[in-house]
Structure formats: C-alpha cells, structure tokens
N, C-alpha and C. Protein backbone atom coordinates (compact mmCIF):
# COMPACT_ATOMS: atom_id res chain seq x y z
N MET A 1 -8.01 -6.21 23.72
CA MET A 1 -7.28 -5.94 22.50
C MET A 1 -7.76 -6.88 21.40
N ASN A 2 -8.01 -6.15 20.31
CA ASN A 2 -8.94 -6.94 19.22
C ASN A 2 -8.08 -6.28 17.91
N VAL A 3 -7.37 -7.03 17.05
CA VAL A 3 -6.51 -6.50 16.11
C VAL A 3 -7.04 -7.49 14.89
N PHE A 4 -7.75 -6.82 13.85
CA PHE A 4 -8.15 -7.67 12.54
C PHE A 4 -9.20 -8.71 13.08
N GLY A 5 -9.81 -8.68 14.16
CA GLY A 5 -10.87 -9.76 14.77
C GLY A 5 -10.10 -10.80 15.40
N VAL A 6 -8.72 -10.41 15.84
CA VAL A 6 -8.20 -11.61 16.33
C VAL A 6 -7.77 -11.16 18.02
N GLY A 7 -8.33 -11.85 18.83
CA GLY A 7 -8.26 -11.28 20.12
C GLY A 7 -6.82 -11.74 20.87
N LEU A 8 -6.72 -11.64 22.03
CA LEU A 8 -5.47 -11.88 22.84
C LEU A 8 -5.05 -13.40 22.76
N PRO A 9 -6.20 -14.27 23.15
CA PRO A 9 -5.89 -15.74 23.21
C PRO A 9 -5.31 -16.32 21.88
N GLU A 10 -6.09 -15.59 20.71
CA GLU A 10 -5.72 -16.14 19.21
C GLU A 10 -4.24 -15.76 18.97
N MET A 11 -3.91 -14.58 19.44
CA MET A 11 -2.58 -13.91 19.10
C MET A 11 -1.61 -14.88 19.92
N ALA A 12 -1.87 -15.22 21.06
CA ALA A 12 -1.00 -15.97 21.93
C ALA A 12 -0.75 -17.30 21.22
N VAL A 13 -1.52 -18.01 20.62
CA VAL A 13 -1.51 -19.24 19.95
C VAL A 13 -0.54 -19.10 18.75
N ILE A 14 -0.83 -18.02 18.22
CA ILE A 14 -0.25 -17.71 16.74
C ILE A 14 1.13 -17.44 16.97
N GLY A 15 1.42 -16.87 18.20
CA GLY A 15 2.96 -16.41 18.37
C GLY A 15 3.71 -17.76 19.20
N ALA A 16 2.81 -18.68 19.76
CA ALA A 16 3.55 -19.98 20.26
C ALA A 16 3.82 -20.85 19.06
N VAL A 17 2.95 -20.89 17.97
CA VAL A 17 3.24 -21.78 16.96
C VAL A 17 4.28 -21.05 15.92
N ALA A 18 4.57 -19.89 15.98
CA ALA A 18 5.45 -19.00 15.25
C ALA A 18 6.80 -19.47 15.79
N LEU A 19 6.82 -19.29 17.35
CA LEU A 19 7.94 -19.67 17.93
C LEU A 19 8.45 -20.95 17.73
N LEU A 20 7.72 -22.10 17.57
CA LEU A 20 7.95 -23.44 17.41
C LEU A 20 8.38 -23.62 15.90
N VAL A 21 7.78 -22.86 15.09
CA VAL A 21 8.15 -23.07 13.66
C VAL A 21 9.52 -22.55 13.22
N PHE A 22 9.73 -20.99 13.88
CA PHE A 22 10.82 -20.40 13.51
C PHE A 22 11.94 -20.53 14.44
N GLY A 23 11.62 -20.61 15.62
CA GLY A 23 12.68 -20.60 16.67
C GLY A 23 12.85 -19.38 17.37
N PRO A 24 13.67 -19.37 18.49
CA PRO A 24 13.65 -17.89 19.23
C PRO A 24 14.64 -17.24 18.58
N LYS A 25 15.75 -17.95 17.68
CA LYS A 25 16.85 -16.93 16.86
C LYS A 25 16.38 -16.41 15.68
N ARG A 26 15.33 -16.67 15.09
CA ARG A 26 14.67 -16.24 13.74
C ARG A 26 13.64 -15.36 13.98
N LEU A 27 12.89 -15.40 15.15
CA LEU A 27 11.86 -14.91 15.34
C LEU A 27 11.74 -13.34 15.26
N PRO A 28 12.74 -12.65 15.90
CA PRO A 28 12.78 -11.18 16.19
C PRO A 28 13.11 -10.87 14.64
N GLU A 29 13.97 -11.49 13.90
CA GLU A 29 14.43 -10.97 12.50
C GLU A 29 13.25 -10.93 11.73
N LEU A 30 12.29 -11.99 11.94
CA LEU A 30 11.14 -12.01 11.06
C LEU A 30 10.09 -10.96 11.68
N GLY A 31 10.16 -10.54 12.84
CA GLY A 31 9.28 -9.25 13.28
C GLY A 31 9.76 -8.05 12.58
N ARG A 32 11.04 -8.02 12.62
CA ARG A 32 11.50 -6.59 11.92
C ARG A 32 11.32 -6.54 10.44
N THR A 33 11.43 -7.75 9.81
CA THR A 33 11.23 -7.63 8.53
C THR A 33 9.50 -7.51 8.41
N LEU A 34 8.77 -8.04 8.86
CA LEU A 34 7.24 -7.88 8.60
C LEU A 34 7.12 -6.43 9.07
N GLY A 35 7.69 -5.96 10.40
CA GLY A 35 7.31 -4.41 10.56
C GLY A 35 8.10 -3.48 9.40
N LYS A 36 9.01 -3.68 8.77
CA LYS A 36 9.37 -2.78 7.63
C LYS A 36 8.56 -2.94 6.36
N THR A 37 8.16 -4.17 6.17
CA THR A 37 7.10 -4.37 5.16
C THR A 37 5.84 -3.71 5.28
N LEU A 38 5.27 -3.65 6.54
CA LEU A 38 4.10 -2.83 6.73
C LEU A 38 4.19 -1.35 6.73
N LYS A 39 5.35 -0.93 6.86
CA LYS A 39 5.85 0.41 6.88
C LYS A 39 5.77 0.95 5.67
N GLY A 40 6.41 0.20 4.86
CA GLY A 40 6.42 0.43 3.28
C GLY A 40 5.10 0.36 2.79
N PHE A 41 4.31 -0.52 2.92
CA PHE A 41 2.72 -0.62 2.50
C PHE A 41 2.18 0.84 3.02
N GLN A 42 2.44 1.03 4.11
CA GLN A 42 1.73 2.06 4.75
C GLN A 42 2.25 3.44 4.04
N SER A 43 3.30 3.71 3.91
CA SER A 43 3.60 4.86 2.94
C SER A 43 3.32 4.99 1.55
N ALA A 44 3.37 3.81 0.79
CA ALA A 44 2.89 3.75 -0.39
C ALA A 44 1.32 3.86 -0.44
N SER A 45 0.52 3.42 0.53
CA SER A 45 -0.80 3.71 0.37
C SER A 45 -1.07 5.46 0.41
N LYS A 46 -0.18 5.98 1.65
CA LYS A 46 -0.27 7.25 1.79
C LYS A 46 -0.09 8.20 0.66
N GLU A 47 1.05 7.90 -0.23
CA GLU A 47 1.60 8.36 -1.44
C GLU A 47 0.32 8.29 -2.46
N PHE A 48 -0.20 7.08 -2.51
CA PHE A 48 -1.35 6.87 -3.31
C PHE A 48 -2.38 7.56 -3.29
N GLU A 49 -2.99 7.83 -1.80
CA GLU A 49 -4.05 8.52 -1.23
C GLU A 49 -3.79 10.12 -1.93
N ARG A 50 -2.54 10.47 -1.41
CA ARG A 50 -2.22 11.98 -1.72
C ARG A 50 -2.24 12.17 -3.09
N GLU A 51 -1.78 11.33 -4.15
CA GLU A 51 -2.07 11.35 -5.54
C GLU A 51 -3.53 11.69 -5.87
N ILE A 52 -4.48 10.53 -5.64
CA ILE A 52 -5.56 10.56 -5.74
C ILE A 52 -6.31 11.87 -5.39
N ASN A 53 -6.06 12.48 -4.46
CA ASN A 53 -6.66 13.68 -3.66
C ASN A 53 -6.17 14.83 -4.62
N LYS A 54 -4.77 14.83 -5.10
CA LYS A 54 -4.52 15.98 -5.88
C LYS A 54 -5.13 16.05 -7.14
N ALA A 55 -5.25 14.73 -7.75
CA ALA A 55 -5.99 14.70 -9.08
C ALA A 55 -7.27 14.95 -9.00
N MET A 56 -8.06 14.70 -8.04
CA MET A 56 -9.37 14.90 -7.66
C MET A 56 -9.85 16.35 -7.36
N ALA A 57 -8.83 17.22 -6.82
CA ALA A 57 -8.74 18.31 -6.45
C ALA A 57 -8.78 19.51 -7.59
N ASP A 58 -7.66 19.04 -8.78
CA ASP A 58 -7.78 19.85 -9.73
C ASP A 58 -7.52 18.89 -10.96
N PRO A 59 -8.55 18.47 -11.47
CA PRO A 59 -8.63 17.59 -12.63
C PRO A 59 -8.28 18.44 -13.99
N GLU A 60 -8.11 19.63 -13.82
CA GLU A 60 -7.89 20.47 -15.39
C GLU A 60 -6.43 20.31 -15.57
N GLN A 61 -5.58 20.15 -14.57
CA GLN A 61 -3.91 20.03 -14.96
C GLN A 61 -3.86 18.49 -15.04
N LEU A 62 -3.91 18.15 -16.42
CA LEU A 62 -3.60 16.64 -16.78
C LEU A 62 -2.00 16.94 -17.42
N PRO A 63 -1.34 15.81 -17.29
CA PRO A 63 0.25 15.97 -18.16
C PRO A 63 -0.12 15.68 -19.48
N ALA A 64 1.02 16.21 -20.15
CA ALA A 64 0.85 16.43 -21.76
C ALA A 64 0.37 15.25 -22.30
N SER A 65 0.96 14.15 -21.89
CA SER A 65 0.68 12.79 -22.58
C SER A 65 -0.81 12.57 -22.78
N ASP A 66 -1.62 12.71 -21.68
CA ASP A 66 -2.93 12.47 -21.44
C ASP A 66 -3.90 13.44 -22.17
N VAL A 67 -3.35 14.53 -22.93
CA VAL A 67 -4.19 15.55 -23.32
C VAL A 67 -4.09 15.08 -25.03
N GLU A 68 -5.25 14.86 -25.74
CA GLU A 68 -5.45 14.64 -27.21
C GLU A 68 -4.85 15.74 -27.97
N ALA A 69 -4.37 15.56 -29.10
CA ALA A 69 -3.92 16.41 -29.87
C ALA A 69 -4.98 16.79 -31.02
N PRO A 70 -5.63 18.18 -31.10
CA PRO A 70 -6.55 18.29 -31.87
C PRO A 70 -6.76 17.72 -33.33
N ASN A 71 -7.84 17.72 -33.92
CA ASN A 71 -7.72 16.93 -35.22
C ASN A 71 -7.46 18.14 -36.37
N THR A 72 -6.22 17.88 -37.09
CA THR A 72 -5.81 18.95 -37.95
C THR A 72 -6.41 18.53 -39.37
N LYS A 73 -6.80 17.53 -39.82
CA LYS A 73 -7.26 17.20 -40.94
C LYS A 73 -8.71 17.98 -41.27
N SER A 74 -8.70 18.71 -42.32
CA SER A 74 -9.87 19.31 -42.66
C SER A 74 -10.88 18.30 -43.61
N SER A 75 -12.05 18.73 -43.57
CA SER A 75 -12.76 17.67 -44.12
C SER A 75 -12.93 18.11 -45.64
N ASN A 76 -12.29 19.18 -46.35
CA ASN A 76 -12.22 19.31 -47.57
C ASN A 76 -11.18 18.22 -48.10
N ASP A 77 -10.21 17.71 -47.71
CA ASP A 77 -9.14 16.93 -48.13
C ASP A 77 -9.62 15.58 -48.84
C-alpha cells in the first residue's frame, strides 16, 4: 500500500505520533473533519474541471459581460 509515496510503515509512525499528540478522543473527530475537507476539495475540483471542459467545448458562447461592444464612434467626428 503506497499513498502519495508513503508506505505502510511510515503511515503507522504518522498515526502513532498523531495519537500521542491529539489523544484517542480527539483523533476520530480530526479524521472526520479531514475527510469532509478532502471531499469538498474533490467536488470543487470536479466542478472546475466540468466548467473548463464546457468552456473548451463551446468557446463561441461567451457571457455578455465578456463580449466587447463594437466601436460606435465614426472616424468623421
């Protein structure tokens, strides 16, 4: 098992240090918070990827604020 280049022995050491630092009562709470945070990042990155793919698929449809108004000044004025 290799997650982000960290093997099982390294994960065990990290877990033991976290248990010593935070204690057994607070550790599950921190795990839940970390899981919710990672899930939020994952959903935000999927939404961002969807928007990028949609913009690349149809570059002709720009929002009205992105389209420049034509120059209405004549050169004779």
